[in-house]
């Protein structure tokens, strides 16, 4: 099974459910990252809020790292499912 092949998500109903779950998680993480950066940017207009603004940027940056990590985890999850499905097909023959 090729990694990061777009057609993989249609291999089975299980693949489709996994794709949907990972995409939902990715979208939420990306949205929160962007929101934290926007809030952090706004906070920098006020000197008293600069420390919380820095934390918004740090947490937002962590979310930007988690997002692509979710996509990699999804592809590895697909690979594990694919191997099990292939093994099951060989046993049936």
Protein backbone atom coordinates (compact mmCIF):
# COMPACT_ATOMS: atom_id res chain seq x y z
CA UNK A 1 0.00 0.00 0.00
CA UNK A 2 1.34 3.40 -0.98
CA UNK A 3 1.48 6.08 1.68
CA UNK A 4 -0.33 9.38 0.99
CA UNK A 5 -2.27 7.93 -1.96
CA UNK A 6 -5.59 9.84 -2.20
CA UNK A 7 -7.54 6.77 -3.33
CA UNK A 8 -6.66 4.89 -0.12
CA UNK A 9 -9.53 6.48 1.79
CA UNK A 10 -11.99 4.60 -0.43
CA UNK A 11 -10.50 1.12 0.15
CA UNK A 12 -13.20 0.19 2.68
CA UNK A 13 -15.87 1.66 4.93
CA UNK A 14 -13.35 1.51 7.76
CA UNK A 15 -10.89 3.59 5.72
CA UNK A 16 -13.63 6.13 5.02
CA UNK A 17 -14.55 6.41 8.73
CA UNK A 18 -10.88 6.82 9.66
CA UNK A 19 -10.42 9.48 7.00
CA UNK A 20 -13.42 11.43 8.30
CA UNK A 21 -12.26 11.21 11.93
CA UNK A 22 -8.71 12.32 11.14
CA UNK A 23 -9.93 15.14 8.87
CA UNK A 24 -12.25 16.39 11.62
CA UNK A 25 -9.40 16.35 14.15
CA UNK A 26 -7.06 18.06 11.66
CA UNK A 27 -9.62 20.78 10.89
CA UNK A 28 -10.24 21.48 14.58
CA UNK A 29 -6.50 21.66 15.32
CA UNK A 30 -5.83 23.97 12.34
CA UNK A 31 -8.75 26.21 13.31
CA UNK A 32 -7.56 26.47 16.92
CA UNK A 33 -4.01 27.22 15.78
CA UNK A 34 -5.19 30.04 13.53
CA UNK A 35 -7.51 31.39 16.22
CA UNK A 36 -4.71 31.42 18.80
CA UNK A 37 -2.45 33.30 16.40
CA UNK A 38 -5.19 35.84 15.71
CA UNK A 39 -5.92 36.34 19.42
CA UNK A 40 -2.21 36.50 20.22
CA UNK A 41 -1.67 39.12 17.54
CA UNK A 42 -4.51 41.22 18.91
CA UNK A 43 -3.13 40.90 22.46
CA UNK A 44 0.20 42.39 21.38
CA UNK A 45 -1.52 45.77 21.00
CA UNK A 46 -1.62 45.94 24.81
CA UNK A 47 1.62 45.81 26.82
CA UNK A 48 -0.06 44.14 29.81
CA UNK A 49 -1.22 41.23 27.61
CA UNK A 50 2.10 40.43 25.95
CA UNK A 51 2.89 37.41 28.14
CA UNK A 52 -0.45 35.70 27.41
CA UNK A 53 0.03 36.63 23.74
CA UNK A 54 3.36 34.79 23.71
CA UNK A 55 1.62 31.71 25.16
CA UNK A 56 -1.03 31.93 22.44
CA UNK A 57 1.75 31.84 19.83
CA UNK A 58 3.52 28.93 21.54
CA UNK A 59 0.36 26.83 21.83
CA UNK A 60 -0.73 27.81 18.31
CA UNK A 61 2.67 26.75 16.98
CA UNK A 62 2.33 23.39 18.73
CA UNK A 63 -1.06 22.94 17.05
CA UNK A 64 0.53 23.69 13.67
CA UNK A 65 2.95 20.80 14.35
CA UNK A 66 0.19 18.47 15.53
CA UNK A 67 -1.86 19.01 12.35
CA UNK A 68 0.56 17.38 9.88
CA UNK A 69 1.39 14.76 12.51
CA UNK A 70 -2.28 13.71 12.40
CA UNK A 71 -2.05 13.22 8.65
CA UNK A 72 1.04 11.05 9.06
CA UNK A 73 -0.69 9.04 11.82
CA UNK A 74 -3.69 8.54 9.50
CA UNK A 75 -1.48 7.19 6.72
CA UNK A 76 0.27 4.81 9.11
CA UNK A 77 -3.12 3.69 10.41
CA UNK A 78 -4.22 3.02 6.82
CA UNK A 79 -1.06 0.98 6.24
CA UNK A 80 -1.76 -1.18 9.28
CA UNK A 81 -5.35 -1.80 8.17
CA UNK A 82 -4.23 -2.58 4.63
CA UNK A 83 -1.76 -5.20 5.79
CA UNK A 84 -4.40 -6.92 7.92
CA UNK A 85 -6.91 -6.90 5.07
CA UNK A 86 -4.32 -8.34 2.67
CA UNK A 87 -3.43 -11.06 5.17
CA UNK A 88 -7.10 -11.96 5.65
CA UNK A 89 -7.57 -12.25 1.87
CA UNK A 90 -4.58 -14.59 1.61
CA UNK A 91 -5.92 -16.81 4.41
CA UNK A 92 -9.30 -17.11 2.67
CA UNK A 93 -7.69 -18.38 -0.55
